[in-house]
Amino acid sequence: MAEKLNTNDNFSEVKSLSPIKTERLRYLMELGLTRTQAILYLNLSLNGESDVRLLAHRTSLPRTEIYRALSELQEKGFVDKEVGSPLKFSAVPPSLCLQDVINHKYNQIKEMEKNLKKFTNEFNIQQGQEKDDDFKITIIEGRERIISKIKQQHDSARSTVDIVSFLPRFLVIAQECLSNYRKACKRGVQYRIILGLPPNQQSLSESLPEKIKRAHSNKNTKIKTTVGVQKVNSATFDGKQTSFSYYPDRLITQSPLILTNHPCLVEFAQNSFEKMWDSL
């Protein structure tokens, strides 16, 4: 794991670096160099050939640490050593050494992607073997994970989706899942949406961004509104799975998502939705 850059380090060259040069130091560390290695390589790149005494003076780093880091940099192909008294070191041009590192990372990523496909296939096979009567209640946290799951739910929907949501939360999810929602509508999925409007917003047409308004203006989507936060913030997919926001009045980053396929809970959520829908 790359070390975190600390701009308060006792290193005169770093302290006086411009924002661009500071970014270069961070870039080197993101490529896998340690803090000390990055400092020394950048120093040699900026100031040219140097010996250890001069590097120690410029960086205020201990000489033993400098010797060790320079040896490591030489092994990585970042530094060349000139035999003499004293030994002198120079930076290998970035176009040579950094390109090798990038190529290595690129190959690593390709291998990771290949392994991900294998792992995903194995996971999907395992998921497909789960029985329909394996009833679960699952808690999901974290914005990215919640959004990912909601997208998956819309992608898997086949007939109906019934949603109750508070407008600010709905807008966040709608922006993220607009493409998934449009594809579901094209498949013929029927959406019914109940939106709780903030007390100061009486009109839905004034509250929705134009892009979201256009997307929801189709024959497969019906929207009803009420005022205020509802006691339940939920979405039921095909009458088989329901998700609840643990805190109905909070944004997606502040509330875990609870998912269940338990028939009693799904039916309860569906009946609650139908009563609310009919009352509006």
C-alpha atoms as a PDB file:
ATOM      1  CA  MET A   1       0.000   0.000   0.000  1.00  0.00           C
ATOM      2  CA  ALA A   2       1.370   3.407  -0.964  1.00  0.00           C
ATOM      3  CA  GLU A   3       2.372   5.651   1.902  1.00  0.00           C
ATOM      4  CA  LYS A   4       0.439   8.830   2.559  1.00  0.00           C
ATOM      5  CA  LEU A   5       2.236  12.023   1.590  1.00  0.00           C
ATOM      6  CA  ASN A   6       2.989  14.275   4.536  1.00  0.00           C
ATOM      7  CA  THR A   7       3.859  17.776   3.390  1.00  0.00           C
ATOM      8  CA  ASN A   8       5.155  18.620   6.874  1.00  0.00           C
ATOM      9  CA  ASP A   9       8.086  16.199   6.592  1.00  0.00           C
ATOM     10  CA  ASN A  10      11.495  17.601   7.470  1.00  0.00           C
ATOM     11  CA  PHE A  11      12.561  17.901   3.838  1.00  0.00           C
ATOM     12  CA  SER A  12      13.523  21.295   2.542  1.00  0.00           C
ATOM     13  CA  GLU A  13      12.936  20.390  -1.084  1.00  0.00           C
ATOM     14  CA  VAL A  14       9.413  19.170  -0.333  1.00  0.00           C
ATOM     15  CA  LYS A  15       8.537  22.178   1.795  1.00  0.00           C
ATOM     16  CA  SER A  16       9.460  24.570  -1.010  1.00  0.00           C
ATOM     17  CA  LEU A  17       7.853  22.544  -3.793  1.00  0.00           C
ATOM     18  CA  SER A  18       5.271  24.157  -6.011  1.00  0.00           C
ATOM     19  CA  PRO A  19       1.839  22.482  -6.165  1.00  0.00           C
ATOM     20  CA  ILE A  20       2.862  20.846  -9.460  1.00  0.00           C
ATOM     21  CA  LYS A  21       6.030  19.333  -7.945  1.00  0.00           C
ATOM     22  CA  THR A  22       4.129  18.232  -4.849  1.00  0.00           C
ATOM     23  CA  GLU A  23       1.724  16.445  -7.156  1.00  0.00           C
ATOM     24  CA  ARG A  24       4.693  14.718  -8.833  1.00  0.00           C
ATOM     25  CA  LEU A  25       5.836  13.436  -5.460  1.00  0.00           C
ATOM     26  CA  ARG A  26       2.352  12.099  -4.768  1.00  0.00           C
ATOM     27  CA  TYR A  27       2.289  10.512  -8.215  1.00  0.00           C
ATOM     28  CA  LEU A  28       5.543   8.647  -7.533  1.00  0.00           C
ATOM     29  CA  MET A  29       4.139   7.301  -4.289  1.00  0.00           C
ATOM     30  CA  GLU A  30       0.946   6.190  -6.041  1.00  0.00           C
ATOM     31  CA  LEU A  31       3.130   4.200  -8.443  1.00  0.00           C
ATOM     32  CA  GLY A  32       4.509   2.273  -5.493  1.00  0.00           C
ATOM     33  CA  LEU A  33       7.575   4.158  -4.285  1.00  0.00           C
ATOM     34  CA  THR A  34       7.994   4.677  -0.571  1.00  0.00           C
ATOM     35  CA  ARG A  35       8.033   8.216   0.772  1.00  0.00           C
ATOM     36  CA  THR A  36      11.822   8.219   1.061  1.00  0.00           C
ATOM     37  CA  GLN A  37      12.303   6.708  -2.401  1.00  0.00           C
ATOM     38  CA  ALA A  38       9.978   9.275  -3.960  1.00  0.00           C
ATOM     39  CA  ILE A  39      11.733  12.161  -2.200  1.00  0.00           C
ATOM     40  CA  LEU A  40      15.167  11.023  -3.365  1.00  0.00           C
ATOM     41  CA  TYR A  41      14.124  10.293  -6.939  1.00  0.00           C
ATOM     42  CA  LEU A  42      12.400  13.657  -7.253  1.00  0.00           C
ATOM     43  CA  ASN A  43      15.404  15.385  -5.698  1.00  0.00           C
ATOM     44  CA  LEU A  44      17.783  13.748  -8.182  1.00  0.00           C
ATOM     45  CA  SER A  45      15.404  14.554 -11.036  1.00  0.00           C
ATOM     46  CA  LEU A  46      15.244  18.221 -10.071  1.00  0.00           C
ATOM     47  CA  ASN A  47      18.872  18.786  -9.084  1.00  0.00           C
ATOM     48  CA  GLY A  48      20.827  16.298 -11.153  1.00  0.00           C
ATOM     49  CA  GLU A  49      23.634  13.959 -10.074  1.00  0.00           C
ATOM     50  CA  SER A  50      24.366  13.950  -6.332  1.00  0.00           C
ATOM     51  CA  ASP A  51      26.261  12.033  -3.684  1.00  0.00           C
ATOM     52  CA  VAL A  52      24.810  10.856  -0.392  1.00  0.00           C
ATOM     53  CA  ARG A  53      26.300  13.734   1.603  1.00  0.00           C
ATOM     54  CA  LEU A  54      24.626  16.295  -0.649  1.00  0.00           C
ATOM     55  CA  LEU A  55      21.313  14.388  -0.622  1.00  0.00           C
ATOM     56  CA  ALA A  56      21.398  14.248   3.166  1.00  0.00           C
ATOM     57  CA  HIS A  57      21.974  17.999   3.291  1.00  0.00           C
ATOM     58  CA  ARG A  58      19.105  18.708   0.907  1.00  0.00           C
ATOM     59  CA  THR A  59      16.593  16.346   2.444  1.00  0.00           C
ATOM     60  CA  SER A  60      17.562  16.169   6.131  1.00  0.00           C
ATOM     61  CA  LEU A  61      17.156  12.384   5.860  1.00  0.00           C
ATOM     62  CA  PRO A  62      19.550  10.050   7.737  1.00  0.00           C
ATOM     63  CA  ARG A  63      22.379   8.769   5.538  1.00  0.00           C
ATOM     64  CA  THR A  64      21.650   5.137   6.413  1.00  0.00           C
ATOM     65  CA  GLU A  65      18.078   5.608   5.207  1.00  0.00           C
ATOM     66  CA  ILE A  66      19.315   7.306   2.025  1.00  0.00           C
ATOM     67  CA  TYR A  67      21.785   4.478   1.238  1.00  0.00           C
ATOM     68  CA  ARG A  68      19.077   1.862   1.704  1.00  0.00           C
ATOM     69  CA  ALA A  69      16.524   3.762  -0.414  1.00  0.00           C
ATOM     70  CA  LEU A  70      19.048   4.437  -3.197  1.00  0.00           C
ATOM     71  CA  SER A  71      19.927   0.748  -3.318  1.00  0.00           C
ATOM     72  CA  GLU A  72      16.232  -0.090  -3.627  1.00  0.00           C
ATOM     73  CA  LEU A  73      15.756   2.541  -6.327  1.00  0.00           C
ATOM     74  CA  GLN A  74      18.705   1.111  -8.247  1.00  0.00           C
ATOM     75  CA  GLU A  75      17.139  -2.350  -8.121  1.00  0.00           C
ATOM     76  CA  LYS A  76      13.856  -0.894  -9.391  1.00  0.00           C
ATOM     77  CA  GLY A  77      15.669   0.815 -12.257  1.00  0.00           C
ATOM     78  CA  PHE A  78      14.990   4.369 -11.060  1.00  0.00           C
ATOM     79  CA  VAL A  79      18.572   5.335 -10.226  1.00  0.00           C
ATOM     80  CA  ASP A  80      21.999   4.822 -11.781  1.00  0.00           C
ATOM     81  CA  LYS A  81      25.177   4.678  -9.644  1.00  0.00           C
ATOM     82  CA  GLU A  82      28.499   6.107 -10.801  1.00  0.00           C
ATOM     83  CA  VAL A  83      31.543   4.397  -9.344  1.00  0.00           C
ATOM     84  CA  GLY A  84      33.944   6.836  -7.740  1.00  0.00           C
ATOM     85  CA  SER A  85      34.847   8.517  -4.494  1.00  0.00           C
ATOM     86  CA  PRO A  86      32.325   9.488  -3.409  1.00  0.00           C
ATOM     87  CA  LEU A  87      29.685   7.393  -5.122  1.00  0.00           C
ATOM     88  CA  LYS A  88      27.305   9.507  -7.167  1.00  0.00           C
ATOM     89  CA  PHE A  89      23.724   8.814  -8.111  1.00  0.00           C
ATOM     90  CA  SER A  90      21.547  10.095 -10.947  1.00  0.00           C
ATOM     91  CA  ALA A  91      17.865   9.699 -11.811  1.00  0.00           C
ATOM     92  CA  VAL A  92      16.911   7.484 -14.740  1.00  0.00           C
ATOM     93  CA  PRO A  93      14.654   9.458 -17.136  1.00  0.00           C
ATOM     94  CA  PRO A  94      10.969   9.064 -16.203  1.00  0.00           C
ATOM     95  CA  SER A  95      10.120   7.984 -19.749  1.00  0.00           C
ATOM     96  CA  LEU A  96      12.165   4.833 -19.120  1.00  0.00           C
ATOM     97  CA  CYS A  97      11.696   3.800 -15.510  1.00  0.00           C
ATOM     98  CA  LEU A  98       8.121   5.016 -14.989  1.00  0.00           C
ATOM     99  CA  GLN A  99       6.882   3.437 -18.206  1.00  0.00           C
ATOM    100  CA  ASP A 100       8.181   0.078 -16.992  1.00  0.00           C
ATOM    101  CA  VAL A 101       6.270   0.512 -13.732  1.00  0.00           C
ATOM    102  CA  ILE A 102       3.096   1.516 -15.573  1.00  0.00           C
ATOM    103  CA  ASN A 103       3.395  -1.461 -17.921  1.00  0.00           C
ATOM    104  CA  HIS A 104       3.836  -3.769 -14.934  1.00  0.00           C
ATOM    105  CA  LYS A 105       0.773  -2.311 -13.206  1.00  0.00           C
ATOM    106  CA  TYR A 106      -1.202  -2.559 -16.444  1.00  0.00           C
ATOM    107  CA  ASN A 107      -0.363  -6.265 -16.711  1.00  0.00           C
ATOM    108  CA  GLN A 108      -1.337  -6.712 -13.072  1.00  0.00           C
ATOM    109  CA  ILE A 109      -4.698  -5.056 -13.731  1.00  0.00           C
ATOM    110  CA  LYS A 110      -5.318  -7.286 -16.771  1.00  0.00           C
ATOM    111  CA  GLU A 111      -4.593 -10.343 -14.635  1.00  0.00           C
ATOM    112  CA  MET A 112      -6.894  -9.028 -11.885  1.00  0.00           C
ATOM    113  CA  GLU A 113      -9.678  -8.475 -14.430  1.00  0.00           C
ATOM    114  CA  LYS A 114      -9.255 -12.025 -15.720  1.00  0.00           C
ATOM    115  CA  ASN A 115      -9.427 -13.408 -12.184  1.00  0.00           C
ATOM    116  CA  LEU A 116     -12.430 -11.192 -11.460  1.00  0.00           C
ATOM    117  CA  LYS A 117     -14.341 -12.753 -14.362  1.00  0.00           C
ATOM    118  CA  LYS A 118     -13.569 -16.247 -13.049  1.00  0.00           C
ATOM    119  CA  PHE A 119     -14.557 -15.296  -9.524  1.00  0.00           C
ATOM    120  CA  THR A 120     -17.754 -13.588 -10.739  1.00  0.00           C
ATOM    121  CA  ASN A 121     -18.776 -16.663 -12.724  1.00  0.00           C
ATOM    122  CA  GLU A 122     -18.222 -18.893  -9.702  1.00  0.00           C
ATOM    123  CA  PHE A 123     -20.176 -16.446  -7.531  1.00  0.00           C
ATOM    124  CA  ASN A 124     -23.084 -16.308 -10.004  1.00  0.00           C
ATOM    125  CA  ILE A 125     -23.221 -20.103 -10.161  1.00  0.00           C
ATOM    126  CA  GLN A 126     -23.340 -20.271  -6.371  1.00  0.00           C
ATOM    127  CA  GLN A 127     -26.034 -17.579  -6.232  1.00  0.00           C
ATOM    128  CA  GLY A 128     -28.065 -19.437  -8.832  1.00  0.00           C
ATOM    129  CA  GLN A 129     -28.040 -22.536  -6.662  1.00  0.00           C
ATOM    130  CA  GLU A 130     -29.737 -20.748  -3.772  1.00  0.00           C
ATOM    131  CA  LYS A 131     -33.268 -21.960  -3.192  1.00  0.00           C
ATOM    132  CA  ASP A 132     -36.268 -19.670  -3.501  1.00  0.00           C
ATOM    133  CA  ASP A 133     -37.215 -20.455   0.077  1.00  0.00           C
ATOM    134  CA  ASP A 134     -33.881 -19.208   1.427  1.00  0.00           C
ATOM    135  CA  PHE A 135     -35.426 -16.188   3.124  1.00  0.00           C
ATOM    136  CA  LYS A 136     -32.999 -13.491   4.184  1.00  0.00           C
ATOM    137  CA  ILE A 137     -32.763 -10.088   5.787  1.00  0.00           C
ATOM    138  CA  THR A 138     -29.605  -8.274   4.713  1.00  0.00           C
ATOM    139  CA  ILE A 139     -28.157  -4.933   5.789  1.00  0.00           C
ATOM    140  CA  ILE A 140     -26.109  -2.977   3.247  1.00  0.00           C
ATOM    141  CA  GLU A 141     -24.070   0.100   4.122  1.00  0.00           C
ATOM    142  CA  GLY A 142     -21.898   2.555   2.232  1.00  0.00           C
ATOM    143  CA  ARG A 143     -23.029   4.810  -0.612  1.00  0.00           C
ATOM    144  CA  GLU A 144     -21.331   2.936  -3.460  1.00  0.00           C
ATOM    145  CA  ARG A 145     -22.523  -0.475  -2.275  1.00  0.00           C
ATOM    146  CA  ILE A 146     -26.102   0.765  -1.780  1.00  0.00           C
ATOM    147  CA  ILE A 147     -26.214   2.387  -5.228  1.00  0.00           C
ATOM    148  CA  SER A 148     -24.748  -0.763  -6.789  1.00  0.00           C
ATOM    149  CA  LYS A 149     -27.437  -2.913  -5.160  1.00  0.00           C
ATOM    150  CA  ILE A 150     -30.261  -0.590  -6.205  1.00  0.00           C
ATOM    151  CA  LYS A 151     -29.006  -0.669  -9.802  1.00  0.00           C
ATOM    152  CA  GLN A 152     -28.952  -4.461  -9.633  1.00  0.00           C
ATOM    153  CA  GLN A 153     -32.548  -4.496  -8.371  1.00  0.00           C
ATOM    154  CA  HIS A 154     -33.764  -2.338 -11.275  1.00  0.00           C
ATOM    155  CA  ASP A 155     -31.811  -4.473 -13.754  1.00  0.00           C
ATOM    156  CA  SER A 156     -33.424  -7.629 -12.360  1.00  0.00           C
ATOM    157  CA  ALA A 157     -37.000  -6.260 -12.244  1.00  0.00           C
ATOM    158  CA  ARG A 158     -39.386  -8.014 -14.645  1.00  0.00           C
ATOM    159  CA  SER A 159     -42.892  -6.714 -13.986  1.00  0.00           C
ATOM    160  CA  THR A 160     -43.433  -4.135 -11.223  1.00  0.00           C
ATOM    161  CA  VAL A 161     -41.547  -1.739  -8.986  1.00  0.00           C
ATOM    162  CA  ASP A 162     -43.353   0.159  -6.209  1.00  0.00           C
ATOM    163  CA  ILE A 163     -41.418   2.945  -4.484  1.00  0.00           C
ATOM    164  CA  VAL A 164     -42.054   5.195  -1.504  1.00  0.00           C
ATOM    165  CA  SER A 165     -39.378   7.826  -1.002  1.00  0.00           C
ATOM    166  CA  PHE A 166     -38.613  11.286   0.327  1.00  0.00           C
ATOM    167  CA  LEU A 167     -37.805  13.630  -2.559  1.00  0.00           C
ATOM    168  CA  PRO A 168     -34.192  14.568  -1.596  1.00  0.00           C
ATOM    169  CA  ARG A 169     -33.246  10.885  -1.258  1.00  0.00           C
ATOM    170  CA  PHE A 170     -35.126   9.954  -4.423  1.00  0.00           C
ATOM    171  CA  LEU A 171     -33.244  12.564  -6.471  1.00  0.00           C
ATOM    172  CA  VAL A 172     -29.859  11.172  -5.414  1.00  0.00           C
ATOM    173  CA  ILE A 173     -30.844   7.629  -6.383  1.00  0.00           C
ATOM    174  CA  ALA A 174     -32.594   8.727  -9.587  1.00  0.00           C
ATOM    175  CA  GLN A 175     -29.475  10.529 -10.798  1.00  0.00           C
ATOM    176  CA  GLU A 176     -27.324   7.446 -10.196  1.00  0.00           C
ATOM    177  CA  CYS A 177     -29.785   4.851 -11.531  1.00  0.00           C
ATOM    178  CA  LEU A 178     -31.391   6.730 -14.419  1.00  0.00           C
ATOM    179  CA  SER A 179     -29.954   4.433 -17.086  1.00  0.00           C
ATOM    180  CA  ASN A 180     -31.051   1.296 -15.206  1.00  0.00           C
ATOM    181  CA  TYR A 181     -34.552   2.745 -14.741  1.00  0.00           C
ATOM    182  CA  ARG A 182     -34.895   3.609 -18.444  1.00  0.00           C
ATOM    183  CA  LYS A 183     -33.868   0.095 -19.486  1.00  0.00           C
ATOM    184  CA  ALA A 184     -36.403  -1.403 -17.081  1.00  0.00           C
ATOM    185  CA  CYS A 185     -39.179   0.780 -18.544  1.00  0.00           C
ATOM    186  CA  LYS A 186     -38.235  -0.337 -22.043  1.00  0.00           C
ATOM    187  CA  ARG A 187     -38.603  -3.950 -20.862  1.00  0.00           C
ATOM    188  CA  GLY A 188     -42.155  -3.093 -19.848  1.00  0.00           C
ATOM    189  CA  VAL A 189     -41.609  -2.857 -16.079  1.00  0.00           C
ATOM    190  CA  GLN A 190     -44.433  -0.853 -14.472  1.00  0.00           C
ATOM    191  CA  TYR A 191     -43.339   1.781 -11.920  1.00  0.00           C
ATOM    192  CA  ARG A 192     -45.509   3.357  -9.247  1.00  0.00           C
ATOM    193  CA  ILE A 193     -43.768   6.011  -7.189  1.00  0.00           C
ATOM    194  CA  ILE A 194     -44.965   7.881  -4.117  1.00  0.00           C
ATOM    195  CA  LEU A 195     -42.836  10.923  -3.324  1.00  0.00           C
ATOM    196  CA  GLY A 196     -42.896  12.874  -0.088  1.00  0.00           C
ATOM    197  CA  LEU A 197     -42.241  16.528  -0.894  1.00  0.00           C
ATOM    198  CA  PRO A 198     -40.564  18.906   1.565  1.00  0.00           C
ATOM    199  CA  PRO A 199     -43.150  21.270   3.118  1.00  0.00           C
ATOM    200  CA  ASN A 200     -41.809  24.238   1.138  1.00  0.00           C
ATOM    201  CA  GLN A 201     -42.251  22.425  -2.216  1.00  0.00           C
ATOM    202  CA  GLN A 202     -45.862  21.967  -3.195  1.00  0.00           C
ATOM    203  CA  SER A 203     -45.336  21.087  -6.867  1.00  0.00           C
ATOM    204  CA  LEU A 204     -43.452  18.066  -8.199  1.00  0.00           C
ATOM    205  CA  SER A 205     -42.870  19.707 -11.571  1.00  0.00           C
ATOM    206  CA  GLU A 206     -40.911  22.472  -9.830  1.00  0.00           C
ATOM    207  CA  SER A 207     -38.889  19.996  -7.768  1.00  0.00           C
ATOM    208  CA  LEU A 208     -37.585  17.572 -10.403  1.00  0.00           C
ATOM    209  CA  PRO A 209     -34.584  18.376 -12.594  1.00  0.00           C
ATOM    210  CA  GLU A 210     -35.537  18.446 -16.281  1.00  0.00           C
ATOM    211  CA  LYS A 211     -33.576  15.271 -17.117  1.00  0.00           C
ATOM    212  CA  ILE A 212     -35.327  13.242 -14.409  1.00  0.00           C
ATOM    213  CA  LYS A 213     -38.698  14.778 -15.276  1.00  0.00           C
ATOM    214  CA  ARG A 214     -38.358  13.728 -18.922  1.00  0.00           C
ATOM    215  CA  ALA A 215     -37.214  10.218 -17.985  1.00  0.00           C
ATOM    216  CA  HIS A 216     -40.245   9.664 -15.763  1.00  0.00           C
ATOM    217  CA  SER A 217     -42.720  10.978 -18.318  1.00  0.00           C
ATOM    218  CA  ASN A 218     -43.629   7.646 -19.875  1.00  0.00           C
ATOM    219  CA  LYS A 219     -46.588   5.269 -19.978  1.00  0.00           C
ATOM    220  CA  ASN A 220     -44.904   2.803 -17.608  1.00  0.00           C
ATOM    221  CA  THR A 221     -44.456   5.263 -14.736  1.00  0.00           C
ATOM    222  CA  LYS A 222     -47.078   6.736 -12.438  1.00  0.00           C
ATOM    223  CA  ILE A 223     -46.159   9.199  -9.697  1.00  0.00           C
ATOM    224  CA  LYS A 224     -48.216  10.456  -6.762  1.00  0.00           C
ATOM    225  CA  THR A 225     -47.084  12.980  -4.172  1.00  0.00           C
ATOM    226  CA  THR A 226     -47.680  13.799  -0.562  1.00  0.00           C
ATOM    227  CA  VAL A 227     -46.093  16.263   1.841  1.00  0.00           C
ATOM    228  CA  GLY A 228     -43.383  15.403   4.335  1.00  0.00           C
ATOM    229  CA  VAL A 229     -41.338  12.344   5.205  1.00  0.00           C
ATOM    230  CA  GLN A 230     -43.279   9.088   5.235  1.00  0.00           C
ATOM    231  CA  LYS A 231     -42.855   6.534   8.001  1.00  0.00           C
ATOM    232  CA  VAL A 232     -41.641   4.025   5.418  1.00  0.00           C
ATOM    233  CA  ASN A 233     -39.056   4.575   2.693  1.00  0.00           C
ATOM    234  CA  SER A 234     -39.194   1.419   0.607  1.00  0.00           C
ATOM    235  CA  ALA A 235     -39.054  -0.216  -2.815  1.00  0.00           C
ATOM    236  CA  THR A 236     -40.688  -3.521  -3.713  1.00  0.00           C
ATOM    237  CA  PHE A 237     -39.546  -5.373  -6.831  1.00  0.00           C
ATOM    238  CA  ASP A 238     -41.881  -7.830  -8.589  1.00  0.00           C
ATOM    239  CA  GLY A 239     -43.614  -8.457  -5.268  1.00  0.00           C
ATOM    240  CA  LYS A 240     -40.682 -10.678  -4.294  1.00  0.00           C
ATOM    241  CA  GLN A 241     -38.063  -8.438  -2.713  1.00  0.00           C
ATOM    242  CA  THR A 242     -38.344  -5.303  -0.615  1.00  0.00           C
ATOM    243  CA  SER A 243     -35.719  -2.813   0.489  1.00  0.00           C
ATOM    244  CA  PHE A 244     -36.156  -0.349   3.341  1.00  0.00           C
ATOM    245  CA  SER A 245     -34.189   2.715   4.306  1.00  0.00           C
ATOM    246  CA  TYR A 246     -33.327   2.353   7.999  1.00  0.00           C
ATOM    247  CA  TYR A 247     -33.742   6.126   8.471  1.00  0.00           C
ATOM    248  CA  PRO A 248     -36.492   7.294   6.052  1.00  0.00           C
ATOM    249  CA  ASP A 249     -35.650  10.988   6.392  1.00  0.00           C
ATOM    250  CA  ARG A 250     -31.901  10.694   5.785  1.00  0.00           C
ATOM    251  CA  LEU A 251     -29.831  10.742   2.623  1.00  0.00           C
ATOM    252  CA  ILE A 252     -28.373   7.570   1.171  1.00  0.00           C
ATOM    253  CA  THR A 253     -24.970   8.177   2.773  1.00  0.00           C
ATOM    254  CA  GLN A 254     -26.526   8.367   6.237  1.00  0.00           C
ATOM    255  CA  SER A 255     -28.813   5.347   6.317  1.00  0.00           C
ATOM    256  CA  PRO A 256     -28.204   1.603   5.848  1.00  0.00           C
ATOM    257  CA  LEU A 257     -30.379  -0.269   3.361  1.00  0.00           C
ATOM    258  CA  ILE A 258     -32.287  -3.311   4.594  1.00  0.00           C
ATOM    259  CA  LEU A 259     -33.191  -5.961   1.994  1.00  0.00           C
ATOM    260  CA  THR A 260     -35.471  -8.936   2.420  1.00  0.00           C
ATOM    261  CA  ASN A 261     -37.215 -11.568   0.343  1.00  0.00           C
ATOM    262  CA  HIS A 262     -39.174 -12.904   3.308  1.00  0.00           C
ATOM    263  CA  PRO A 263     -42.773 -13.247   2.066  1.00  0.00           C
ATOM    264  CA  CYS A 264     -44.340 -11.883   5.264  1.00  0.00           C
ATOM    265  CA  LEU A 265     -42.258  -8.708   5.161  1.00  0.00           C
ATOM    266  CA  VAL A 266     -42.643  -8.283   1.401  1.00  0.00           C
ATOM    267  CA  GLU A 267     -46.426  -8.673   1.654  1.00  0.00           C
ATOM    268  CA  PHE A 268     -46.531  -6.214   4.547  1.00  0.00           C
ATOM    269  CA  ALA A 269     -44.592  -3.654   2.489  1.00  0.00           C
ATOM    270  CA  GLN A 270     -46.799  -4.260  -0.563  1.00  0.00           C
ATOM    271  CA  ASN A 271     -50.030  -3.887   1.414  1.00  0.00           C
ATOM    272  CA  SER A 272     -48.708  -0.728   3.050  1.00  0.00           C
ATOM    273  CA  PHE A 273     -47.877   0.700  -0.361  1.00  0.00           C
ATOM    274  CA  GLU A 274     -51.302  -0.167  -1.807  1.00  0.00           C
ATOM    275  CA  LYS A 275     -53.098   1.573   1.069  1.00  0.00           C
ATOM    276  CA  MET A 276     -50.963   4.660   0.696  1.00  0.00           C
ATOM    277  CA  TRP A 277     -51.359   4.680  -3.096  1.00  0.00           C
ATOM    278  CA  ASP A 278     -55.159   4.352  -2.902  1.00  0.00           C
ATOM    279  CA  SER A 279     -55.384   7.145  -0.329  1.00  0.00           C
ATOM    280  CA  LEU A 280     -53.648   9.699  -2.562  1.00  0.00           C
END
